[in-house]
C-alpha atoms as a PDB file:
ATOM      1  CA  UNK A   1      86.363-196.154  -0.626  1.00  0.00           C
ATOM      2  CA  UNK A   2      87.843-195.066  -3.704  1.00  0.00           C
ATOM      3  CA  UNK A   3      89.156-197.320  -6.608  1.00  0.00           C
ATOM      4  CA  UNK A   4      92.746-196.028  -5.154  1.00  0.00           C
ATOM      5  CA  UNK A   5      91.040-197.580  -1.328  1.00  0.00           C
ATOM      6  CA  UNK A   6      90.199-200.714  -3.007  1.00  0.00           C
ATOM      7  CA  UNK A   7      93.665-200.996  -5.044  1.00  0.00           C
ATOM      8  CA  UNK A   8      94.816-201.214  -1.914  1.00  0.00           C
ATOM      9  CA  UNK A   9      92.151-203.219   0.006  1.00  0.00           C
ATOM     10  CA  UNK A  10      92.745-206.223  -2.818  1.00  0.00           C
ATOM     11  CA  UNK A  11      96.403-205.473  -2.829  1.00  0.00           C
ATOM     12  CA  UNK A  12      96.468-206.976   0.869  1.00  0.00           C
ATOM     13  CA  UNK A  13      95.718-210.475   0.059  1.00  0.00           C
ATOM     14  CA  UNK A  14      98.167-212.597  -0.740  1.00  0.00           C
ATOM     15  CA  UNK A  15      98.944-214.103  -3.660  1.00  0.00           C
ATOM     16  CA  UNK A  16      96.774-217.447  -2.787  1.00  0.00           C
ATOM     17  CA  UNK A  17      93.583-215.758  -1.228  1.00  0.00           C
ATOM     18  CA  UNK A  18      94.062-213.157  -5.024  1.00  0.00           C
ATOM     19  CA  UNK A  19      93.608-215.827  -6.471  1.00  0.00           C
ATOM     20  CA  UNK A  20      91.474-217.326  -5.485  1.00  0.00           C
ATOM     21  CA  UNK A  21      89.013-213.780  -4.980  1.00  0.00           C
ATOM     22  CA  UNK A  22      89.161-214.046  -8.732  1.00  0.00           C
ATOM     23  CA  UNK A  23      86.884-216.957  -8.840  1.00  0.00           C
ATOM     24  CA  UNK A  24      85.276-216.386  -6.610  1.00  0.00           C
ATOM     25  CA  UNK A  25      83.592-213.548  -8.461  1.00  0.00           C
ATOM     26  CA  UNK A  26      83.572-215.687 -11.836  1.00  0.00           C
ATOM     27  CA  UNK A  27      81.532-217.987 -10.171  1.00  0.00           C
ATOM     28  CA  UNK A  28      79.204-215.114  -8.668  1.00  0.00           C
ATOM     29  CA  UNK A  29      79.265-213.813 -12.202  1.00  0.00           C
ATOM     30  CA  UNK A  30      78.148-217.618 -13.102  1.00  0.00           C
ATOM     31  CA  UNK A  31      75.126-217.226 -10.342  1.00  0.00           C
ATOM     32  CA  UNK A  32      73.841-214.126 -11.770  1.00  0.00           C
ATOM     33  CA  UNK A  33      74.226-215.191 -15.112  1.00  0.00           C
ATOM     34  CA  UNK A  34      72.053-218.416 -14.420  1.00  0.00           C
ATOM     35  CA  UNK A  35      70.265-216.826 -11.816  1.00  0.00           C
ATOM     36  CA  UNK A  36      68.627-213.716 -14.984  1.00  0.00           C
ATOM     37  CA  UNK A  37      68.573-216.963 -17.258  1.00  0.00           C
ATOM     38  CA  UNK A  38      65.935-218.845 -14.900  1.00  0.00           C
ATOM     39  CA  UNK A  39      64.332-216.143 -14.086  1.00  0.00           C
ATOM     40  CA  UNK A  40      63.530-215.092 -17.902  1.00  0.00           C
ATOM     41  CA  UNK A  41      63.041-219.088 -18.381  1.00  0.00           C
ATOM     42  CA  UNK A  42      60.781-218.920 -15.754  1.00  0.00           C
ATOM     43  CA  UNK A  43      58.181-216.523 -16.546  1.00  0.00           C
ATOM     44  CA  UNK A  44      58.042-216.160 -20.957  1.00  0.00           C
ATOM     45  CA  UNK A  45      59.557-219.410 -21.456  1.00  0.00           C
ATOM     46  CA  UNK A  46      63.694-221.422 -22.725  1.00  0.00           C
ATOM     47  CA  UNK A  47      63.115-220.410 -26.360  1.00  0.00           C
ATOM     48  CA  UNK A  48      62.803-216.006 -24.547  1.00  0.00           C
ATOM     49  CA  UNK A  49      65.849-216.844 -22.259  1.00  0.00           C
ATOM     50  CA  UNK A  50      68.248-218.137 -24.394  1.00  0.00           C
ATOM     51  CA  UNK A  51      67.269-215.401 -27.037  1.00  0.00           C
ATOM     52  CA  UNK A  52      68.157-213.088 -24.685  1.00  0.00           C
ATOM     53  CA  UNK A  53      71.159-214.994 -22.824  1.00  0.00           C
ATOM     54  CA  UNK A  54      72.733-215.399 -26.507  1.00  0.00           C
ATOM     55  CA  UNK A  55      72.348-211.738 -27.675  1.00  0.00           C
ATOM     56  CA  UNK A  56      73.924-211.449 -23.967  1.00  0.00           C
ATOM     57  CA  UNK A  57      77.101-213.026 -24.388  1.00  0.00           C
ATOM     58  CA  UNK A  58      77.813-212.379 -28.197  1.00  0.00           C
ATOM     59  CA  UNK A  59      78.324-208.779 -27.536  1.00  0.00           C
ATOM     60  CA  UNK A  60      80.046-209.674 -23.988  1.00  0.00           C
ATOM     61  CA  UNK A  61      82.418-211.791 -26.632  1.00  0.00           C
ATOM     62  CA  UNK A  62      83.669-208.429 -28.272  1.00  0.00           C
ATOM     63  CA  UNK A  63      83.912-206.312 -24.809  1.00  0.00           C
ATOM     64  CA  UNK A  64      85.442-209.375 -23.558  1.00  0.00           C
ATOM     65  CA  UNK A  65      87.908-209.352 -26.394  1.00  0.00           C
ATOM     66  CA  UNK A  66      88.685-206.001 -26.371  1.00  0.00           C
ATOM     67  CA  UNK A  67      89.477-205.402 -22.976  1.00  0.00           C
ATOM     68  CA  UNK A  68      91.997-208.735 -23.117  1.00  0.00           C
ATOM     69  CA  UNK A  69      93.615-206.751 -25.842  1.00  0.00           C
ATOM     70  CA  UNK A  70      93.969-203.727 -24.095  1.00  0.00           C
ATOM     71  CA  UNK A  71      94.464-205.406 -21.058  1.00  0.00           C
ATOM     72  CA  UNK A  72      97.342-207.828 -22.178  1.00  0.00           C
ATOM     73  CA  UNK A  73      98.549-205.515 -24.782  1.00  0.00           C
ATOM     74  CA  UNK A  74      97.732-208.089 -27.740  1.00  0.00           C
ATOM     75  CA  UNK A  75      98.812-206.840 -31.279  1.00  0.00           C
ATOM     76  CA  UNK A  76      98.501-210.798 -32.762  1.00  0.00           C
ATOM     77  CA  UNK A  77      95.956-211.954 -34.460  1.00  0.00           C
ATOM     78  CA  UNK A  78      96.803-215.136 -35.430  1.00  0.00           C
ATOM     79  CA  UNK A  79      95.047-218.622 -33.813  1.00  0.00           C
ATOM     80  CA  UNK A  80      97.764-219.030 -30.785  1.00  0.00           C
ATOM     81  CA  UNK A  81      97.231-215.695 -30.003  1.00  0.00           C
ATOM     82  CA  UNK A  82      92.830-215.522 -29.691  1.00  0.00           C
ATOM     83  CA  UNK A  83      93.071-218.956 -28.156  1.00  0.00           C
ATOM     84  CA  UNK A  84      95.537-217.398 -25.017  1.00  0.00           C
ATOM     85  CA  UNK A  85      93.574-214.272 -25.183  1.00  0.00           C
ATOM     86  CA  UNK A  86      90.176-217.106 -24.072  1.00  0.00           C
ATOM     87  CA  UNK A  87      91.998-218.712 -21.383  1.00  0.00           C
ATOM     88  CA  UNK A  88      91.668-215.219 -19.958  1.00  0.00           C
ATOM     89  CA  UNK A  89      88.492-214.820 -20.196  1.00  0.00           C
ATOM     90  CA  UNK A  90      85.766-215.111 -18.059  1.00  0.00           C
ATOM     91  CA  UNK A  91      84.466-217.937 -20.236  1.00  0.00           C
ATOM     92  CA  UNK A  92      86.949-220.050 -19.738  1.00  0.00           C
ATOM     93  CA  UNK A  93      88.914-219.104 -17.125  1.00  0.00           C
ATOM     94  CA  UNK A  94      87.670-221.290 -14.513  1.00  0.00           C
ATOM     95  CA  UNK A  95      85.875-223.903 -16.803  1.00  0.00           C
ATOM     96  CA  UNK A  96      86.451-227.237 -14.630  1.00  0.00           C
ATOM     97  CA  UNK A  97      88.445-229.219 -16.699  1.00  0.00           C
ATOM     98  CA  UNK A  98      88.871-228.015 -19.671  1.00  0.00           C
ATOM     99  CA  UNK A  99      91.556-228.906 -22.733  1.00  0.00           C
ATOM    100  CA  UNK A 100      92.620-226.325 -24.496  1.00  0.00           C
ATOM    101  CA  UNK A 101      95.209-227.249 -27.797  1.00  0.00           C
ATOM    102  CA  UNK A 102      96.683-224.380 -29.991  1.00  0.00           C
ATOM    103  CA  UNK A 103      98.467-224.495 -33.253  1.00  0.00           C
ATOM    104  CA  UNK A 104      99.639-222.719 -35.410  1.00  0.00           C
ATOM    105  CA  UNK A 105      96.388-222.768 -37.823  1.00  0.00           C
ATOM    106  CA  UNK A 106      93.926-224.076 -35.992  1.00  0.00           C
ATOM    107  CA  UNK A 107      92.443-224.361 -31.793  1.00  0.00           C
ATOM    108  CA  UNK A 108      90.278-226.738 -29.329  1.00  0.00           C
ATOM    109  CA  UNK A 109      88.861-225.836 -26.878  1.00  0.00           C
ATOM    110  CA  UNK A 110      86.586-228.556 -24.986  1.00  0.00           C
ATOM    111  CA  UNK A 111      84.618-229.107 -21.778  1.00  0.00           C
ATOM    112  CA  UNK A 112      85.000-232.135 -20.305  1.00  0.00           C
ATOM    113  CA  UNK A 113      82.409-231.697 -16.877  1.00  0.00           C
ATOM    114  CA  UNK A 114      80.237-228.229 -17.269  1.00  0.00           C
ATOM    115  CA  UNK A 115      79.550-226.411 -13.659  1.00  0.00           C
ATOM    116  CA  UNK A 116      76.247-224.907 -15.719  1.00  0.00           C
ATOM    117  CA  UNK A 117      75.189-228.148 -17.186  1.00  0.00           C
ATOM    118  CA  UNK A 118      75.603-229.764 -14.603  1.00  0.00           C
ATOM    119  CA  UNK A 119      74.504-227.748 -11.148  1.00  0.00           C
ATOM    120  CA  UNK A 120      70.999-227.851 -13.584  1.00  0.00           C
ATOM    121  CA  UNK A 121      70.976-231.887 -13.460  1.00  0.00           C
ATOM    122  CA  UNK A 122      71.520-231.685  -9.862  1.00  0.00           C
ATOM    123  CA  UNK A 123      68.600-229.288  -9.993  1.00  0.00           C
ATOM    124  CA  UNK A 124      66.495-231.983 -11.502  1.00  0.00           C
ATOM    125  CA  UNK A 125      66.161-229.625 -15.153  1.00  0.00           C
ATOM    126  CA  UNK A 126      67.152-230.069 -18.274  1.00  0.00           C
ATOM    127  CA  UNK A 127      70.585-230.253 -20.141  1.00  0.00           C
ATOM    128  CA  UNK A 128      70.601-226.142 -21.333  1.00  0.00           C
ATOM    129  CA  UNK A 129      70.776-225.641 -24.813  1.00  0.00           C
ATOM    130  CA  UNK A 130      73.668-223.767 -24.813  1.00  0.00           C
ATOM    131  CA  UNK A 131      75.439-223.824 -28.700  1.00  0.00           C
ATOM    132  CA  UNK A 132      73.863-221.014 -29.552  1.00  0.00           C
ATOM    133  CA  UNK A 133      75.099-218.778 -26.497  1.00  0.00           C
ATOM    134  CA  UNK A 134      78.836-220.086 -26.680  1.00  0.00           C
ATOM    135  CA  UNK A 135      78.841-219.665 -30.238  1.00  0.00           C
ATOM    136  CA  UNK A 136      77.695-215.838 -30.101  1.00  0.00           C
ATOM    137  CA  UNK A 137      80.118-215.347 -27.792  1.00  0.00           C
ATOM    138  CA  UNK A 138      82.568-217.403 -29.098  1.00  0.00           C
ATOM    139  CA  UNK A 139      82.745-216.021 -32.664  1.00  0.00           C
ATOM    140  CA  UNK A 140      82.402-212.379 -31.592  1.00  0.00           C
ATOM    141  CA  UNK A 141      85.623-212.711 -28.935  1.00  0.00           C
ATOM    142  CA  UNK A 142      87.743-214.342 -32.530  1.00  0.00           C
ATOM    143  CA  UNK A 143      85.906-211.635 -34.683  1.00  0.00           C
ATOM    144  CA  UNK A 144      86.906-209.120 -32.178  1.00  0.00           C
ATOM    145  CA  UNK A 145      90.434-210.338 -33.255  1.00  0.00           C
ATOM    146  CA  UNK A 146      90.194-211.404 -37.112  1.00  0.00           C
ATOM    147  CA  UNK A 147      87.636-211.415 -38.356  1.00  0.00           C
ATOM    148  CA  UNK A 148      88.986-214.250 -41.135  1.00  0.00           C
ATOM    149  CA  UNK A 149      89.253-216.556 -37.620  1.00  0.00           C
ATOM    150  CA  UNK A 150      86.122-218.828 -37.855  1.00  0.00           C
ATOM    151  CA  UNK A 151      84.538-220.741 -34.877  1.00  0.00           C
ATOM    152  CA  UNK A 152      82.833-224.472 -35.305  1.00  0.00           C
ATOM    153  CA  UNK A 153      81.077-226.090 -32.465  1.00  0.00           C
ATOM    154  CA  UNK A 154      81.865-230.030 -32.924  1.00  0.00           C
ATOM    155  CA  UNK A 155      78.847-230.602 -29.907  1.00  0.00           C
ATOM    156  CA  UNK A 156      77.525-228.728 -27.701  1.00  0.00           C
ATOM    157  CA  UNK A 157      73.889-228.951 -26.112  1.00  0.00           C
ATOM    158  CA  UNK A 158      71.361-229.382 -27.375  1.00  0.00           C
ATOM    159  CA  UNK A 159      73.382-231.862 -29.026  1.00  0.00           C
ATOM    160  CA  UNK A 160      73.878-235.505 -27.710  1.00  0.00           C
ATOM    161  CA  UNK A 161      77.228-235.546 -26.434  1.00  0.00           C
ATOM    162  CA  UNK A 162      79.329-238.230 -24.578  1.00  0.00           C
ATOM    163  CA  UNK A 163      79.899-238.225 -21.227  1.00  0.00           C
ATOM    164  CA  UNK A 164      82.860-236.849 -21.216  1.00  0.00           C
ATOM    165  CA  UNK A 165      82.206-234.188 -23.414  1.00  0.00           C
ATOM    166  CA  UNK A 166      79.602-230.747 -23.250  1.00  0.00           C
ATOM    167  CA  UNK A 167      81.272-229.355 -25.759  1.00  0.00           C
ATOM    168  CA  UNK A 168      83.742-228.749 -27.868  1.00  0.00           C
ATOM    169  CA  UNK A 169      84.946-225.671 -30.672  1.00  0.00           C
ATOM    170  CA  UNK A 170      87.514-225.099 -33.117  1.00  0.00           C
ATOM    171  CA  UNK A 171      89.352-222.377 -34.479  1.00  0.00           C
ATOM    172  CA  UNK A 172      90.486-222.000 -37.465  1.00  0.00           C
ATOM    173  CA  UNK A 173      91.481-219.126 -40.392  1.00  0.00           C
ATOM    174  CA  UNK A 174      89.127-218.672 -43.015  1.00  0.00           C
ATOM    175  CA  UNK A 175      90.788-219.131 -46.819  1.00  0.00           C
ATOM    176  CA  UNK A 176      90.568-216.414 -48.536  1.00  0.00           C
ATOM    177  CA  UNK A 177      88.483-216.333 -51.519  1.00  0.00           C
ATOM    178  CA  UNK A 178      89.074-215.825 -55.226  1.00  0.00           C
ATOM    179  CA  UNK A 179      87.363-213.035 -54.758  1.00  0.00           C
ATOM    180  CA  UNK A 180      89.233-211.553 -52.386  1.00  0.00           C
ATOM    181  CA  UNK A 181      92.989-212.550 -53.896  1.00  0.00           C
ATOM    182  CA  UNK A 182      91.336-210.403 -57.562  1.00  0.00           C
ATOM    183  CA  UNK A 183      91.143-207.004 -55.074  1.00  0.00           C
END
């Protein structure tokens, strides 16, 4: 089958089915991510699995930002634009019960019900210390738009967190340093 035949096949889905199809593939991507993580964790431990996962997601942030900029024809690099683009990312698109706040100079992304963490807990596994993994992804994603965007983690496992919040990320613009103003 060629890509053109694949496009035709997909175009035959109803609009509602197409949306569900996208979410199905996002959940499949997360399943692959979880399975390779668990495999590494089982063979080489949590620390090594997290190290590999962090590197993969950091690179993925840059790749996904570039692809989304191209696909959505994004030219701006301010915080509202970056947060809007992030909403289309594989990480954010199917987050359950996410809260996104977009202001002129600040963006906040909150994950109040994390499928990955809740799945681990249901399987009798401990919380995954995903902070370095998510931080690497979000920083590289944001920097691909604008290297002056700062990403701060307000809370994310392994941090202690309230029952109604798994993680919260804040995006702000770095202020130019005095040295940069003089140049």
